[in-house]
């Protein structure tokens, strides 16, 4: 007899299993970020006052916080605020 109950959500993967599976890729991404920051540091001039650099620093700060919505917070940091008039701003017209 089939149940009318919805399927329960899957159990989250244990943290140790996620770390085992993703450690090398995470390490690689951190090394890539560190190398990019090193190149900025060795480059001529300064980007300290550049708002993009400020966003990167803020995003790195979000990564070290103990929260479960870090990806969402980083995405929001780099996203434009929603504007109801976005289609006009980008010269797009809704199809009728």
C-alpha atoms as a PDB file:
ATOM      1  CA  UNK A   1       0.000   0.000   0.000  1.00  0.00           C
ATOM      2  CA  UNK A   2       1.442   3.362  -1.064  1.00  0.00           C
ATOM      3  CA  UNK A   3       1.792   6.037   1.573  1.00  0.00           C
ATOM      4  CA  UNK A   4       0.296   9.488   1.037  1.00  0.00           C
ATOM      5  CA  UNK A   5       2.978  11.011   3.262  1.00  0.00           C
ATOM      6  CA  UNK A   6       5.551  13.143   1.499  1.00  0.00           C
ATOM      7  CA  UNK A   7       9.059  11.789   1.335  1.00  0.00           C
ATOM      8  CA  UNK A   8      11.074  13.077   4.283  1.00  0.00           C
ATOM      9  CA  UNK A   9      14.018  15.291   3.423  1.00  0.00           C
ATOM     10  CA  UNK A  10      17.287  13.410   3.137  1.00  0.00           C
ATOM     11  CA  UNK A  11      19.495  13.429   6.193  1.00  0.00           C
ATOM     12  CA  UNK A  12      22.422  15.811   5.849  1.00  0.00           C
ATOM     13  CA  UNK A  13      25.743  14.193   5.053  1.00  0.00           C
ATOM     14  CA  UNK A  14      27.894  13.921   8.191  1.00  0.00           C
ATOM     15  CA  UNK A  15      30.457  16.734   8.436  1.00  0.00           C
ATOM     16  CA  UNK A  16      33.410  14.333   8.544  1.00  0.00           C
ATOM     17  CA  UNK A  17      32.248  12.731   5.294  1.00  0.00           C
ATOM     18  CA  UNK A  18      31.878  16.146   3.613  1.00  0.00           C
ATOM     19  CA  UNK A  19      35.372  17.116   4.768  1.00  0.00           C
ATOM     20  CA  UNK A  20      36.832  13.830   3.500  1.00  0.00           C
ATOM     21  CA  UNK A  21      35.153  14.319   0.125  1.00  0.00           C
ATOM     22  CA  UNK A  22      35.820  18.037  -0.366  1.00  0.00           C
ATOM     23  CA  UNK A  23      39.021  18.835   1.529  1.00  0.00           C
ATOM     24  CA  UNK A  24      41.400  18.819  -1.443  1.00  0.00           C
ATOM     25  CA  UNK A  25      39.121  20.978  -3.600  1.00  0.00           C
ATOM     26  CA  UNK A  26      38.557  23.435  -0.744  1.00  0.00           C
ATOM     27  CA  UNK A  27      42.295  23.610  -0.091  1.00  0.00           C
ATOM     28  CA  UNK A  28      42.923  24.270  -3.789  1.00  0.00           C
ATOM     29  CA  UNK A  29      40.417  27.138  -3.869  1.00  0.00           C
ATOM     30  CA  UNK A  30      41.961  28.721  -0.773  1.00  0.00           C
ATOM     31  CA  UNK A  31      45.423  28.455  -2.343  1.00  0.00           C
ATOM     32  CA  UNK A  32      44.125  30.080  -5.536  1.00  0.00           C
ATOM     33  CA  UNK A  33      42.633  32.934  -3.518  1.00  0.00           C
ATOM     34  CA  UNK A  34      45.849  33.358  -1.529  1.00  0.00           C
ATOM     35  CA  UNK A  35      47.881  33.469  -4.764  1.00  0.00           C
ATOM     36  CA  UNK A  36      45.546  36.109  -6.226  1.00  0.00           C
ATOM     37  CA  UNK A  37      45.871  38.226  -3.086  1.00  0.00           C
ATOM     38  CA  UNK A  38      49.669  37.816  -3.260  1.00  0.00           C
ATOM     39  CA  UNK A  39      49.642  39.052  -6.875  1.00  0.00           C
ATOM     40  CA  UNK A  40      47.610  42.091  -5.800  1.00  0.00           C
ATOM     41  CA  UNK A  41      50.141  42.756  -3.050  1.00  0.00           C
ATOM     42  CA  UNK A  42      53.104  42.496  -5.419  1.00  0.00           C
ATOM     43  CA  UNK A  43      51.459  44.597  -8.108  1.00  0.00           C
ATOM     44  CA  UNK A  44      52.204  48.257  -8.530  1.00  0.00           C
ATOM     45  CA  UNK A  45      49.896  50.693  -6.810  1.00  0.00           C
ATOM     46  CA  UNK A  46      47.217  49.964  -4.276  1.00  0.00           C
ATOM     47  CA  UNK A  47      43.687  48.598  -4.424  1.00  0.00           C
ATOM     48  CA  UNK A  48      42.890  49.274  -0.762  1.00  0.00           C
ATOM     49  CA  UNK A  49      40.398  51.988  -1.733  1.00  0.00           C
ATOM     50  CA  UNK A  50      38.795  49.942  -4.528  1.00  0.00           C
ATOM     51  CA  UNK A  51      35.224  48.946  -3.568  1.00  0.00           C
ATOM     52  CA  UNK A  52      35.711  45.540  -5.230  1.00  0.00           C
ATOM     53  CA  UNK A  53      38.634  44.797  -2.929  1.00  0.00           C
ATOM     54  CA  UNK A  54      36.518  45.878   0.037  1.00  0.00           C
ATOM     55  CA  UNK A  55      33.837  43.382  -1.070  1.00  0.00           C
ATOM     56  CA  UNK A  56      36.442  40.619  -1.301  1.00  0.00           C
ATOM     57  CA  UNK A  57      37.667  41.378   2.221  1.00  0.00           C
ATOM     58  CA  UNK A  58      34.097  41.404   3.520  1.00  0.00           C
ATOM     59  CA  UNK A  59      33.374  38.082   1.792  1.00  0.00           C
ATOM     60  CA  UNK A  60      36.472  36.496   3.329  1.00  0.00           C
ATOM     61  CA  UNK A  61      35.232  37.688   6.709  1.00  0.00           C
ATOM     62  CA  UNK A  62      31.890  36.001   6.078  1.00  0.00           C
ATOM     63  CA  UNK A  63      33.658  32.715   5.358  1.00  0.00           C
ATOM     64  CA  UNK A  64      35.201  32.499   8.814  1.00  0.00           C
ATOM     65  CA  UNK A  65      31.926  33.102  10.653  1.00  0.00           C
ATOM     66  CA  UNK A  66      30.201  30.107  12.223  1.00  0.00           C
ATOM     67  CA  UNK A  67      26.937  30.236  10.304  1.00  0.00           C
ATOM     68  CA  UNK A  68      25.132  27.858   8.031  1.00  0.00           C
ATOM     69  CA  UNK A  69      24.229  30.436   5.368  1.00  0.00           C
ATOM     70  CA  UNK A  70      27.701  31.625   4.345  1.00  0.00           C
ATOM     71  CA  UNK A  71      27.149  30.897   0.641  1.00  0.00           C
ATOM     72  CA  UNK A  72      23.894  32.861   0.688  1.00  0.00           C
ATOM     73  CA  UNK A  73      25.502  35.787   2.496  1.00  0.00           C
ATOM     74  CA  UNK A  74      28.435  35.915   0.058  1.00  0.00           C
ATOM     75  CA  UNK A  75      26.027  35.738  -2.897  1.00  0.00           C
ATOM     76  CA  UNK A  76      23.977  38.601  -1.446  1.00  0.00           C
ATOM     77  CA  UNK A  77      27.133  40.627  -0.862  1.00  0.00           C
ATOM     78  CA  UNK A  78      28.029  40.436  -4.558  1.00  0.00           C
ATOM     79  CA  UNK A  79      24.468  40.824  -5.846  1.00  0.00           C
ATOM     80  CA  UNK A  80      22.631  43.932  -6.884  1.00  0.00           C
ATOM     81  CA  UNK A  81      19.628  44.872  -4.782  1.00  0.00           C
ATOM     82  CA  UNK A  82      16.368  43.819  -6.427  1.00  0.00           C
ATOM     83  CA  UNK A  83      14.705  46.543  -8.465  1.00  0.00           C
ATOM     84  CA  UNK A  84      11.160  46.091  -9.769  1.00  0.00           C
ATOM     85  CA  UNK A  85      12.136  48.238 -12.755  1.00  0.00           C
ATOM     86  CA  UNK A  86      15.081  46.040 -13.830  1.00  0.00           C
ATOM     87  CA  UNK A  87      13.689  45.286 -17.293  1.00  0.00           C
ATOM     88  CA  UNK A  88      13.562  48.970 -18.223  1.00  0.00           C
ATOM     89  CA  UNK A  89      17.046  49.554 -16.804  1.00  0.00           C
ATOM     90  CA  UNK A  90      18.461  46.852 -19.082  1.00  0.00           C
ATOM     91  CA  UNK A  91      16.295  47.851 -22.068  1.00  0.00           C
ATOM     92  CA  UNK A  92      14.347  44.610 -21.904  1.00  0.00           C
ATOM     93  CA  UNK A  93      10.646  44.463 -22.506  1.00  0.00           C
ATOM     94  CA  UNK A  94       8.351  41.764 -21.198  1.00  0.00           C
ATOM     95  CA  UNK A  95       6.774  39.618 -23.913  1.00  0.00           C
ATOM     96  CA  UNK A  96       3.011  39.914 -24.055  1.00  0.00           C
END
